[in-house]
Structure formats: structure tokens, C-alpha cells
């Protein structure tokens, strides 16, 4: 895995975490979906942890260079 690949994975995971947080926030005002909020929040937190892990991996990897 290269640094760029790790950063791409981190961005994707962060986007998923953001999406789940938004869904959880929307579900708070929905009469039948309120029960889903803790599940969505937990899944969002997990994806945030995944994003953090990939970002940490990216920091540890050498910078990605392109050769001409």
C-alpha cells in the first residue's frame, strides 16, 4: 500500500462516517427511525476509526512519488 492509497482509503472512510452521522441526525426527527440512531451512530464511529487508522498508516509510509 502506498501513502496515496492509504489517504484515499482514509478519505472514503471519513466520507462514510460523515454520511452515517448525517443519517443519524435526520433519523432523530423521524418517528419510526429513532431506534436506528444508535446503530447508525455506532457505525459512523467505526468508520471514523477506520479513517483514522488509514491516516495513521499514511503518515508512516514514505511519500508517494511519480517517476518521469
Protein backbone atom coordinates (compact mmCIF):
# COMPACT_ATOMS: atom_id res chain seq x y z
CA UNK A 1 0.00 0.00 0.00
CA UNK A 2 1.28 3.45 -0.89
CA UNK A 3 0.72 6.66 1.03
CA UNK A 4 -1.68 7.87 -1.65
CA UNK A 5 -3.68 4.65 -1.42
CA UNK A 6 -3.90 4.94 2.36
CA UNK A 7 -5.01 8.55 2.09
CA UNK A 8 -7.65 7.60 -0.48
CA UNK A 9 -8.97 4.90 1.86
CA UNK A 10 -8.97 7.41 4.74
CA UNK A 11 -10.98 9.89 2.67
CA UNK A 12 -13.51 7.22 1.67
CA UNK A 13 -13.92 6.06 5.27
CA UNK A 14 -14.29 9.64 6.52
CA UNK A 15 -16.95 10.31 3.88
CA UNK A 16 -18.86 7.19 5.00
CA UNK A 17 -18.62 8.31 8.64
CA UNK A 18 -19.97 11.73 7.69
CA UNK A 19 -22.82 10.18 5.71
CA UNK A 20 -23.83 7.92 8.62
CA UNK A 21 -23.70 10.84 11.05
CA UNK A 22 -25.99 12.82 8.75
CA UNK A 23 -28.42 9.91 8.52
CA UNK A 24 -28.41 9.51 12.31
CA UNK A 25 -29.13 13.23 12.70
CA UNK A 26 -32.03 13.04 10.24
CA UNK A 27 -33.43 9.94 11.94
CA UNK A 28 -33.69 11.80 15.24
CA UNK A 29 -36.71 13.68 13.94
CA UNK A 30 -38.34 10.67 12.28
CA UNK A 31 -41.00 8.96 14.42
CA UNK A 32 -40.21 5.38 13.38
CA UNK A 33 -36.48 5.60 12.71
CA UNK A 34 -35.37 6.96 16.09
CA UNK A 35 -34.46 3.43 17.15
CA UNK A 36 -31.90 3.30 14.33
CA UNK A 37 -29.96 6.31 15.60
CA UNK A 38 -27.64 4.41 18.00
CA UNK A 39 -26.87 1.84 15.31
CA UNK A 40 -26.05 4.48 12.72
CA UNK A 41 -24.01 6.46 15.24
CA UNK A 42 -22.01 3.35 16.18
CA UNK A 43 -21.39 2.50 12.54
CA UNK A 44 -20.32 6.09 11.89
CA UNK A 45 -17.91 5.96 14.80
CA UNK A 46 -16.45 2.74 13.45
CA UNK A 47 -15.90 4.29 10.03
CA UNK A 48 -14.28 7.31 11.70
CA UNK A 49 -11.88 4.92 13.45
CA UNK A 50 -11.12 3.27 10.11
CA UNK A 51 -10.39 6.68 8.59
CA UNK A 52 -8.07 7.48 11.47
CA UNK A 53 -6.26 4.15 11.10
CA UNK A 54 -5.67 4.69 7.39
CA UNK A 55 -4.46 8.23 8.04
CA UNK A 56 -2.01 6.86 10.60
CA UNK A 57 -0.79 4.30 8.10
CA UNK A 58 -0.32 7.05 5.51
CA UNK A 59 1.84 9.04 7.92
CA UNK A 60 4.09 6.02 8.47
CA UNK A 61 4.57 5.34 4.75
CA UNK A 62 7.10 7.12 2.57
CA UNK A 63 5.78 9.86 0.36
CA UNK A 64 4.40 8.63 -2.94
CA UNK A 65 6.50 9.89 -5.83
CA UNK A 66 6.00 9.67 -9.54
CA UNK A 67 8.98 8.97 -11.72
CA UNK A 68 9.24 10.62 -15.10
